[in-house]
């Protein structure tokens, strides 16, 4: 295992025995990078590779840095938008890649999965959360932007706290 780690560190340009670049978080740079990469259609694995970190480091940054968590949420929306446009553009193209829709359905199950949300209802209904972290009947589920899975109560509380702090910083209530 040490050999694999050493190979990975050499790949990202880290000399042996030095602390990794992955430990040096730069809010402006890394937040903009994930948004830019998502806008080009790159998936989170590519975001981590371009930054020179592992997915687990990216997940840690999401937990530790509110601005990075917010950038990831925005990046997920940008990524969905990119692939939605790509699918729409290529829906009648006989040379389009077979299986692309299935890939996108797995990546964005809330939009393209077997039981996608009703987009019109989702747009009209605010995210109301029940006592157990589940949405009320008839409402679209809140989605964890990193996994695409339904958000847990902890995910929702973290997002609410981030919103509260952002509003305080902006001078709102």
N, C-alpha and C. Protein backbone atom coordinates (compact mmCIF):
# COMPACT_ATOMS: atom_id res chain seq x y z
N UNK A 1 0.82 -1.19 0.00
CA UNK A 1 0.00 0.00 0.00
C UNK A 1 0.86 1.25 0.00
N UNK A 2 1.97 1.21 0.72
CA UNK A 2 2.86 2.37 0.77
C UNK A 2 3.39 2.69 -0.61
N UNK A 3 3.60 1.66 -1.42
CA UNK A 3 4.08 1.87 -2.78
C UNK A 3 3.06 2.64 -3.60
N UNK A 4 1.77 2.28 -3.47
CA UNK A 4 0.72 2.98 -4.20
C UNK A 4 0.65 4.44 -3.76
N UNK A 5 0.76 4.69 -2.47
CA UNK A 5 0.70 6.05 -1.97
C UNK A 5 1.89 6.85 -2.49
N UNK A 6 3.09 6.24 -2.45
CA UNK A 6 4.28 6.91 -2.95
C UNK A 6 4.14 7.22 -4.44
N UNK A 7 3.56 6.29 -5.19
CA UNK A 7 3.36 6.52 -6.62
C UNK A 7 2.40 7.66 -6.86
N UNK A 8 1.32 7.70 -6.07
CA UNK A 8 0.35 8.78 -6.23
C UNK A 8 0.99 10.12 -5.89
N UNK A 9 1.74 10.16 -4.79
CA UNK A 9 2.37 11.42 -4.39
C UNK A 9 3.37 11.90 -5.44
N UNK A 10 4.11 10.96 -6.02
CA UNK A 10 5.05 11.34 -7.09
C UNK A 10 4.28 11.86 -8.30
N UNK A 11 3.13 11.25 -8.59
CA UNK A 11 2.30 11.67 -9.71
C UNK A 11 1.85 13.12 -9.57
N UNK A 12 1.51 13.54 -8.36
CA UNK A 12 1.05 14.92 -8.16
C UNK A 12 2.21 15.86 -7.84
N UNK A 13 3.45 15.36 -7.91
CA UNK A 13 4.61 16.22 -7.77
C UNK A 13 5.07 16.48 -6.36
N UNK A 14 4.73 15.62 -5.42
CA UNK A 14 5.15 15.81 -4.03
C UNK A 14 6.41 14.98 -3.77
N UNK A 15 7.49 15.62 -3.37
CA UNK A 15 8.70 14.87 -3.05
C UNK A 15 8.47 13.95 -1.85
N UNK A 16 9.12 12.78 -1.83
CA UNK A 16 8.96 11.85 -0.70
C UNK A 16 9.35 12.51 0.62
N UNK A 17 8.59 12.24 1.66
CA UNK A 17 8.89 12.73 2.99
C UNK A 17 8.39 14.13 3.29
N UNK A 18 7.87 14.86 2.30
CA UNK A 18 7.34 16.19 2.55
C UNK A 18 5.84 16.12 2.79
N UNK A 19 5.35 17.11 3.55
CA UNK A 19 3.89 17.20 3.74
C UNK A 19 3.24 17.47 2.40
N UNK A 20 2.08 16.92 2.19
CA UNK A 20 1.42 17.00 0.90
C UNK A 20 0.77 18.34 0.61
N UNK A 21 0.68 18.64 -0.66
CA UNK A 21 -0.05 19.82 -1.11
C UNK A 21 -1.51 19.72 -0.72
N UNK A 22 -2.01 18.48 -0.63
CA UNK A 22 -3.42 18.28 -0.34
C UNK A 22 -3.80 18.89 1.02
N UNK A 23 -2.83 19.11 1.87
CA UNK A 23 -3.12 19.69 3.18
C UNK A 23 -3.26 21.20 3.11
N UNK A 24 -2.89 21.81 2.00
CA UNK A 24 -2.88 23.26 1.88
C UNK A 24 -4.10 23.72 1.09
N UNK A 25 -5.15 23.97 1.80
CA UNK A 25 -6.41 24.40 1.20
C UNK A 25 -6.35 25.88 0.87
N UNK A 26 -6.75 26.24 -0.35
CA UNK A 26 -6.81 27.63 -0.79
C UNK A 26 -8.25 27.89 -1.24
N UNK A 27 -9.00 28.61 -0.43
CA UNK A 27 -10.43 28.79 -0.68
C UNK A 27 -10.72 29.36 -2.06
N UNK A 28 -10.07 30.47 -2.40
CA UNK A 28 -10.36 31.10 -3.69
C UNK A 28 -10.02 30.19 -4.85
N UNK A 29 -8.83 29.62 -4.82
CA UNK A 29 -8.38 28.78 -5.93
C UNK A 29 -9.22 27.52 -6.07
N UNK A 30 -9.39 26.78 -4.98
CA UNK A 30 -10.04 25.47 -5.08
C UNK A 30 -11.55 25.59 -5.31
N UNK A 31 -12.18 26.59 -4.74
CA UNK A 31 -13.61 26.78 -4.99
C UNK A 31 -13.84 27.12 -6.46
N UNK A 32 -13.03 28.00 -7.01
CA UNK A 32 -13.18 28.37 -8.42
C UNK A 32 -12.86 27.18 -9.33
N UNK A 33 -11.86 26.39 -8.95
CA UNK A 33 -11.49 25.23 -9.78
C UNK A 33 -12.65 24.25 -9.93
N UNK A 34 -13.31 23.90 -8.81
CA UNK A 34 -14.40 22.93 -8.92
C UNK A 34 -15.55 23.48 -9.74
N UNK A 35 -15.84 24.77 -9.59
CA UNK A 35 -16.91 25.36 -10.40
C UNK A 35 -16.55 25.36 -11.89
N UNK A 36 -15.31 25.74 -12.20
CA UNK A 36 -14.87 25.76 -13.60
C UNK A 36 -14.87 24.37 -14.22
N UNK A 37 -14.38 23.39 -13.48
CA UNK A 37 -14.32 22.03 -14.01
C UNK A 37 -15.73 21.46 -14.20
N UNK A 38 -16.63 21.75 -13.28
CA UNK A 38 -18.01 21.28 -13.42
C UNK A 38 -18.67 21.90 -14.62
N UNK A 39 -18.38 23.17 -14.86
CA UNK A 39 -18.98 23.87 -15.99
C UNK A 39 -18.52 23.27 -17.32
N UNK A 40 -17.36 22.61 -17.33
CA UNK A 40 -16.87 21.93 -18.53
C UNK A 40 -17.38 20.49 -18.62
N UNK A 41 -18.11 20.02 -17.59
CA UNK A 41 -18.67 18.68 -17.61
C UNK A 41 -17.83 17.64 -16.90
N UNK A 42 -16.76 18.05 -16.22
CA UNK A 42 -15.92 17.10 -15.50
C UNK A 42 -16.60 16.69 -14.20
N UNK A 43 -16.45 15.42 -13.84
CA UNK A 43 -17.06 14.88 -12.63
C UNK A 43 -16.14 15.06 -11.43
N UNK A 44 -16.65 14.86 -10.21
CA UNK A 44 -15.85 15.09 -9.00
C UNK A 44 -14.50 14.37 -8.96
N UNK A 45 -14.40 13.21 -9.55
CA UNK A 45 -13.12 12.51 -9.58
C UNK A 45 -12.08 13.37 -10.30
N UNK A 46 -12.51 14.04 -11.35
CA UNK A 46 -11.61 14.92 -12.09
C UNK A 46 -11.28 16.18 -11.30
N UNK A 47 -12.25 16.67 -10.54
CA UNK A 47 -11.99 17.84 -9.72
C UNK A 47 -10.84 17.55 -8.76
N UNK A 48 -10.93 16.41 -8.08
CA UNK A 48 -9.89 16.03 -7.13
C UNK A 48 -8.55 15.85 -7.84
N UNK A 49 -8.55 15.18 -8.97
CA UNK A 49 -7.31 14.95 -9.71
C UNK A 49 -6.68 16.26 -10.15
N UNK A 50 -7.49 17.19 -10.63
CA UNK A 50 -6.96 18.48 -11.09
C UNK A 50 -6.37 19.29 -9.93
N UNK A 51 -7.02 19.21 -8.77
CA UNK A 51 -6.51 19.92 -7.60
C UNK A 51 -5.25 19.23 -7.09
N UNK A 52 -5.17 17.90 -7.28
CA UNK A 52 -4.03 17.13 -6.78
C UNK A 52 -4.29 16.55 -5.42
N UNK A 53 -5.57 16.20 -5.16
CA UNK A 53 -5.96 15.62 -3.88
C UNK A 53 -6.74 14.34 -4.14
N UNK A 54 -7.03 13.62 -3.07
CA UNK A 54 -7.88 12.44 -3.18
C UNK A 54 -9.33 12.85 -2.93
N UNK A 55 -10.24 11.96 -3.29
CA UNK A 55 -11.66 12.20 -3.02
C UNK A 55 -11.89 12.34 -1.51
N UNK A 56 -11.19 11.55 -0.70
CA UNK A 56 -11.38 11.65 0.75
C UNK A 56 -10.95 13.01 1.27
N UNK A 57 -9.89 13.60 0.71
CA UNK A 57 -9.49 14.95 1.10
C UNK A 57 -10.55 15.96 0.69
N UNK A 58 -11.10 15.77 -0.51
CA UNK A 58 -12.15 16.67 -0.96
C UNK A 58 -13.36 16.58 -0.02
N UNK A 59 -13.71 15.39 0.39
CA UNK A 59 -14.82 15.22 1.33
C UNK A 59 -14.51 15.91 2.66
N UNK A 60 -13.27 15.81 3.13
CA UNK A 60 -12.88 16.45 4.38
C UNK A 60 -13.00 17.97 4.24
N UNK A 61 -12.55 18.50 3.11
CA UNK A 61 -12.66 19.94 2.89
C UNK A 61 -14.12 20.40 2.91
N UNK A 62 -15.00 19.58 2.37
CA UNK A 62 -16.42 19.92 2.37
C UNK A 62 -16.93 20.03 3.81
N UNK A 63 -16.46 19.15 4.67
CA UNK A 63 -16.88 19.18 6.07
C UNK A 63 -16.25 20.34 6.83
N UNK A 64 -15.03 20.71 6.47
CA UNK A 64 -14.29 21.71 7.24
C UNK A 64 -14.45 23.15 6.74
N UNK A 65 -14.79 23.33 5.47
CA UNK A 65 -14.79 24.68 4.90
C UNK A 65 -16.15 24.98 4.25
N UNK A 66 -16.90 25.89 4.85
CA UNK A 66 -18.24 26.21 4.34
C UNK A 66 -18.20 26.71 2.91
N UNK A 67 -17.22 27.54 2.57
CA UNK A 67 -17.16 28.09 1.22
C UNK A 67 -16.89 27.00 0.19
N UNK A 68 -16.14 25.97 0.58
CA UNK A 68 -15.89 24.86 -0.34
C UNK A 68 -17.15 24.01 -0.50
N UNK A 69 -17.85 23.80 0.60
CA UNK A 69 -19.12 23.06 0.55
C UNK A 69 -20.09 23.78 -0.39
N UNK A 70 -20.16 25.09 -0.26
CA UNK A 70 -21.06 25.89 -1.11
C UNK A 70 -20.61 25.81 -2.58
N UNK A 71 -19.30 25.84 -2.82
CA UNK A 71 -18.77 25.72 -4.19
C UNK A 71 -19.11 24.36 -4.78
N UNK A 72 -19.08 23.31 -3.97
CA UNK A 72 -19.42 21.97 -4.44
C UNK A 72 -20.90 21.90 -4.81
N UNK A 73 -21.74 22.52 -4.02
CA UNK A 73 -23.18 22.54 -4.32
C UNK A 73 -23.42 23.25 -5.66
N UNK A 74 -22.78 24.39 -5.82
CA UNK A 74 -22.91 25.13 -7.08
C UNK A 74 -22.35 24.30 -8.23
N UNK A 75 -21.20 23.66 -8.01
CA UNK A 75 -20.57 22.84 -9.05
C UNK A 75 -21.49 21.69 -9.46
N UNK A 76 -22.17 21.11 -8.52
CA UNK A 76 -23.10 20.01 -8.86
C UNK A 76 -24.21 20.52 -9.77
N UNK A 77 -24.73 21.71 -9.50
CA UNK A 77 -25.76 22.28 -10.36
C UNK A 77 -25.21 22.59 -11.75
N UNK A 78 -24.00 23.12 -11.79
CA UNK A 78 -23.36 23.40 -13.08
C UNK A 78 -23.15 22.11 -13.87
N UNK A 79 -22.75 21.07 -13.18
CA UNK A 79 -22.52 19.77 -13.83
C UNK A 79 -23.82 19.19 -14.37
N UNK A 80 -24.88 19.27 -13.58
CA UNK A 80 -26.18 18.80 -14.05
C UNK A 80 -26.61 19.59 -15.28
N UNK A 81 -26.41 20.88 -15.26
CA UNK A 81 -26.78 21.73 -16.38
C UNK A 81 -25.99 21.35 -17.63
N UNK A 82 -24.69 21.15 -17.47
CA UNK A 82 -23.85 20.77 -18.61
C UNK A 82 -24.38 19.50 -19.27
N UNK A 83 -24.60 18.46 -18.45
CA UNK A 83 -25.00 17.17 -19.01
C UNK A 83 -26.44 17.19 -19.52
N UNK A 84 -27.30 17.98 -18.92
CA UNK A 84 -28.67 18.12 -19.43
C UNK A 84 -28.64 18.73 -20.83
N UNK A 85 -27.84 19.79 -21.00
CA UNK A 85 -27.70 20.41 -22.32
C UNK A 85 -27.10 19.42 -23.32
N UNK A 86 -26.09 18.66 -22.88
CA UNK A 86 -25.43 17.71 -23.78
C UNK A 86 -26.41 16.62 -24.24
N UNK A 87 -27.18 16.11 -23.32
CA UNK A 87 -28.17 15.08 -23.68
C UNK A 87 -29.20 15.65 -24.64
N UNK A 88 -29.70 16.85 -24.34
CA UNK A 88 -30.70 17.48 -25.21
C UNK A 88 -30.13 17.72 -26.60
N UNK A 89 -28.91 18.18 -26.68
CA UNK A 89 -28.27 18.48 -27.96
C UNK A 89 -28.06 17.21 -28.79
N UNK A 90 -27.75 16.11 -28.12
CA UNK A 90 -27.40 14.88 -28.83
C UNK A 90 -28.51 13.83 -28.88
N UNK A 91 -29.71 14.20 -28.46
CA UNK A 91 -30.77 13.17 -28.38
C UNK A 91 -31.13 12.57 -29.73
N UNK A 92 -30.95 13.31 -30.81
CA UNK A 92 -31.27 12.76 -32.13
C UNK A 92 -30.02 12.43 -32.94
N UNK A 93 -28.86 12.56 -32.32
CA UNK A 93 -27.60 12.28 -33.00
C UNK A 93 -27.36 10.76 -33.03
N UNK A 94 -27.32 10.15 -34.21
CA UNK A 94 -27.11 8.70 -34.27
C UNK A 94 -25.72 8.29 -33.82
N UNK A 95 -24.77 9.22 -33.79
CA UNK A 95 -23.41 8.91 -33.37
C UNK A 95 -23.16 9.17 -31.89
N UNK A 96 -24.21 9.58 -31.16
CA UNK A 96 -24.00 9.84 -29.74
C UNK A 96 -23.67 8.54 -29.03
N UNK A 97 -22.97 8.66 -27.93
CA UNK A 97 -22.47 7.48 -27.22
C UNK A 97 -23.61 6.73 -26.55
N UNK A 98 -23.75 5.44 -26.86
CA UNK A 98 -24.78 4.67 -26.16
C UNK A 98 -24.40 4.53 -24.69
N UNK A 99 -25.39 4.56 -23.85
CA UNK A 99 -25.14 4.41 -22.42
C UNK A 99 -24.90 5.72 -21.70
N UNK A 100 -24.80 6.83 -22.45
CA UNK A 100 -24.56 8.12 -21.80
C UNK A 100 -25.71 8.46 -20.86
N UNK A 101 -26.93 8.24 -21.32
CA UNK A 101 -28.08 8.57 -20.47
C UNK A 101 -28.03 7.74 -19.19
N UNK A 102 -27.66 6.45 -19.30
CA UNK A 102 -27.58 5.60 -18.10
C UNK A 102 -26.53 6.12 -17.13
N UNK A 103 -25.40 6.58 -17.66
CA UNK A 103 -24.36 7.15 -16.81
C UNK A 103 -24.90 8.37 -16.07
N UNK A 104 -25.56 9.23 -16.80
CA UNK A 104 -26.09 10.46 -16.21
C UNK A 104 -27.21 10.13 -15.21
N UNK A 105 -28.01 9.12 -15.50
CA UNK A 105 -29.07 8.72 -14.57
C UNK A 105 -28.48 8.22 -13.26
N UNK A 106 -27.34 7.55 -13.32
CA UNK A 106 -26.69 7.08 -12.09
C UNK A 106 -26.06 8.25 -11.33
N UNK A 107 -25.53 9.23 -12.05
CA UNK A 107 -24.89 10.38 -11.41
C UNK A 107 -25.91 11.35 -10.83
N UNK A 108 -27.06 11.49 -11.47
CA UNK A 108 -28.08 12.44 -11.05
C UNK A 108 -29.43 11.74 -10.93
N UNK A 109 -29.56 10.81 -9.98
CA UNK A 109 -30.80 10.02 -9.89
C UNK A 109 -32.03 10.87 -9.60
N UNK A 110 -31.84 12.01 -8.92
CA UNK A 110 -33.01 12.84 -8.60
C UNK A 110 -33.62 13.46 -9.85
N UNK A 111 -32.84 13.60 -10.93
CA UNK A 111 -33.36 14.16 -12.17
C UNK A 111 -33.65 13.10 -13.22
N UNK A 112 -32.80 12.09 -13.31
CA UNK A 112 -32.89 11.14 -14.42
C UNK A 112 -33.01 9.68 -13.98
N UNK A 113 -33.11 9.41 -12.70
CA UNK A 113 -33.17 8.04 -12.21
C UNK A 113 -34.50 7.38 -12.49
N UNK A 114 -34.69 6.22 -11.91
CA UNK A 114 -35.93 5.47 -12.13
C UNK A 114 -37.14 6.18 -11.55
N UNK A 115 -36.92 6.95 -10.49
CA UNK A 115 -38.01 7.69 -9.88
C UNK A 115 -37.60 9.16 -9.73
N UNK A 116 -37.44 9.86 -10.86
CA UNK A 116 -37.01 11.27 -10.75
C UNK A 116 -38.09 12.11 -10.09
N UNK A 117 -37.65 13.20 -9.50
CA UNK A 117 -38.60 14.11 -8.86
C UNK A 117 -39.41 14.82 -9.94
N UNK A 118 -40.59 15.24 -9.55
CA UNK A 118 -41.43 16.06 -10.42
C UNK A 118 -40.83 17.46 -10.39
N UNK A 119 -40.18 17.86 -11.46
CA UNK A 119 -39.45 19.12 -11.49
C UNK A 119 -40.36 20.30 -11.21
N UNK A 120 -41.55 20.31 -11.77
CA UNK A 120 -42.46 21.43 -11.55
C UNK A 120 -42.84 21.53 -10.08
N UNK A 121 -43.16 20.40 -9.46
CA UNK A 121 -43.51 20.41 -8.04
C UNK A 121 -42.30 20.81 -7.19
N UNK A 122 -41.13 20.33 -7.57
CA UNK A 122 -39.91 20.65 -6.84
C UNK A 122 -39.64 22.15 -6.87
N UNK A 123 -39.86 22.79 -8.01
CA UNK A 123 -39.62 24.22 -8.13
C UNK A 123 -40.63 25.04 -7.33
N UNK A 124 -41.82 24.51 -7.15
CA UNK A 124 -42.87 25.25 -6.43
C UNK A 124 -42.83 25.03 -4.92
N UNK A 125 -42.16 23.95 -4.47
CA UNK A 125 -42.21 23.57 -3.07
C UNK A 125 -40.88 23.86 -2.39
N UNK A 126 -40.90 24.65 -1.32
CA UNK A 126 -39.65 24.86 -0.58
C UNK A 126 -39.25 23.55 0.11
N UNK A 127 -37.98 23.41 0.39
CA UNK A 127 -37.50 22.21 1.07
C UNK A 127 -37.96 22.22 2.51
N UNK A 128 -39.05 21.51 2.78
CA UNK A 128 -39.55 21.40 4.15
C UNK A 128 -39.12 20.05 4.69
N UNK A 129 -38.60 20.05 5.89
CA UNK A 129 -38.02 18.83 6.45
C UNK A 129 -38.84 18.38 7.65
N UNK A 130 -39.12 17.09 7.69
CA UNK A 130 -39.84 16.52 8.82
C UNK A 130 -38.91 16.30 10.00
N UNK A 131 -39.45 15.80 11.10
CA UNK A 131 -38.68 15.65 12.33
C UNK A 131 -37.57 14.61 12.20
N UNK A 132 -37.67 13.73 11.23
CA UNK A 132 -36.65 12.69 11.08
C UNK A 132 -35.73 12.97 9.90
N UNK A 133 -35.73 14.18 9.38
CA UNK A 133 -34.85 14.52 8.29
C UNK A 133 -35.38 14.10 6.93
N UNK A 134 -36.65 13.70 6.88
CA UNK A 134 -37.25 13.28 5.62
C UNK A 134 -38.20 14.36 5.14
N UNK A 135 -38.39 14.44 3.85
CA UNK A 135 -39.31 15.44 3.33
C UNK A 135 -40.74 15.02 3.60
N UNK A 136 -41.61 15.99 3.62
CA UNK A 136 -43.02 15.71 3.84
C UNK A 136 -43.60 15.07 2.58
N UNK A 137 -44.70 14.35 2.69
CA UNK A 137 -45.32 13.73 1.51
C UNK A 137 -45.60 14.77 0.43
N UNK A 138 -45.30 14.42 -0.80
CA UNK A 138 -45.56 15.29 -1.92
C UNK A 138 -44.46 16.29 -2.21
N UNK A 139 -43.37 16.25 -1.44
CA UNK A 139 -42.28 17.19 -1.65
C UNK A 139 -41.06 16.45 -2.19
N UNK A 140 -40.28 17.16 -2.98
CA UNK A 140 -39.06 16.57 -3.53
C UNK A 140 -38.05 16.37 -2.41
N UNK A 141 -37.31 15.26 -2.44
CA UNK A 141 -36.31 15.04 -1.38
C UNK A 141 -35.14 16.00 -1.54
N UNK A 142 -34.56 16.42 -0.41
CA UNK A 142 -33.33 17.18 -0.48
C UNK A 142 -32.22 16.20 -0.83
N UNK A 143 -31.30 16.63 -1.65
CA UNK A 143 -30.25 15.76 -2.15
C UNK A 143 -28.91 16.23 -1.61
N UNK A 144 -28.09 15.29 -1.13
CA UNK A 144 -26.73 15.60 -0.74
C UNK A 144 -25.96 15.88 -2.02
N UNK A 145 -25.37 17.08 -2.19
CA UNK A 145 -24.74 17.43 -3.45
C UNK A 145 -23.51 16.61 -3.79
N UNK A 146 -22.89 15.98 -2.81
CA UNK A 146 -21.70 15.17 -3.09
C UNK A 146 -22.05 13.77 -3.56
N UNK A 147 -23.08 13.18 -2.96
CA UNK A 147 -23.39 11.79 -3.26
C UNK A 147 -24.57 11.62 -4.19
N UNK A 148 -25.44 12.62 -4.26
CA UNK A 148 -26.66 12.49 -5.05
C UNK A 148 -27.73 11.71 -4.31
N UNK A 149 -27.41 11.25 -3.09
CA UNK A 149 -28.36 10.49 -2.28
C UNK A 149 -29.21 11.46 -1.46
N UNK A 150 -30.35 10.99 -0.97
CA UNK A 150 -31.16 11.86 -0.12
C UNK A 150 -30.33 12.38 1.05
N UNK A 151 -30.51 13.64 1.36
CA UNK A 151 -29.74 14.28 2.43
C UNK A 151 -30.18 13.74 3.79
N UNK A 152 -29.21 13.61 4.68
CA UNK A 152 -29.50 13.20 6.05
C UNK A 152 -29.87 14.44 6.85
N UNK A 153 -30.35 14.23 8.04
CA UNK A 153 -30.68 15.36 8.90
C UNK A 153 -29.43 16.19 9.17
N UNK A 154 -28.28 15.53 9.35
CA UNK A 154 -27.02 16.26 9.58
C UNK A 154 -26.65 17.12 8.38
N UNK A 155 -26.86 16.61 7.14
CA UNK A 155 -26.60 17.39 5.93
C UNK A 155 -27.46 18.66 5.92
N UNK A 156 -28.72 18.48 6.23
CA UNK A 156 -29.67 19.59 6.19
C UNK A 156 -29.32 20.64 7.25
N UNK A 157 -29.01 20.17 8.46
CA UNK A 157 -28.66 21.11 9.53
C UNK A 157 -27.37 21.87 9.19
N UNK A 158 -26.41 21.20 8.57
CA UNK A 158 -25.16 21.86 8.17
C UNK A 158 -25.44 22.93 7.12
N UNK A 159 -26.31 22.63 6.16
CA UNK A 159 -26.64 23.61 5.13
C UNK A 159 -27.40 24.80 5.71
N UNK A 160 -28.29 24.55 6.67
CA UNK A 160 -29.01 25.63 7.32
C UNK A 160 -28.06 26.53 8.11
N UNK A 161 -27.09 25.92 8.80
CA UNK A 161 -26.12 26.71 9.56
C UNK A 161 -25.25 27.54 8.62
N UNK A 162 -24.85 26.98 7.49
CA UNK A 162 -24.06 27.73 6.51
C UNK A 162 -24.86 28.92 5.98
N UNK A 163 -26.13 28.71 5.72
CA UNK A 163 -27.00 29.79 5.25
C UNK A 163 -27.14 30.87 6.31
N UNK A 164 -27.33 30.47 7.56
CA UNK A 164 -27.45 31.44 8.65
C UNK A 164 -26.19 32.30 8.76
N UNK A 165 -25.03 31.65 8.70
CA UNK A 165 -23.76 32.39 8.80
C UNK A 165 -23.57 33.34 7.62
N UNK A 166 -23.91 32.86 6.43
CA UNK A 166 -23.77 33.70 5.24
C UNK A 166 -24.67 34.92 5.34
N UNK A 167 -25.89 34.73 5.82
CA UNK A 167 -26.81 35.87 5.97
C UNK A 167 -26.31 36.86 7.01
N UNK A 168 -25.72 36.35 8.10
CA UNK A 168 -25.13 37.23 9.11
C UNK A 168 -24.01 38.06 8.51
N UNK A 169 -23.14 37.42 7.73
CA UNK A 169 -22.03 38.12 7.11
C UNK A 169 -22.50 39.18 6.11
N UNK A 170 -23.63 38.91 5.45
CA UNK A 170 -24.15 39.84 4.46
C UNK A 170 -24.98 40.95 5.11
N UNK A 171 -25.16 40.86 6.44
CA UNK A 171 -25.89 41.90 7.15
C UNK A 171 -27.38 41.65 7.22
N UNK A 172 -27.84 40.48 6.76
CA UNK A 172 -29.26 40.14 6.84
C UNK A 172 -29.58 39.40 8.10
N UNK A 173 -30.83 39.07 8.26
CA UNK A 173 -31.23 38.36 9.47
C UNK A 173 -31.41 36.89 9.20
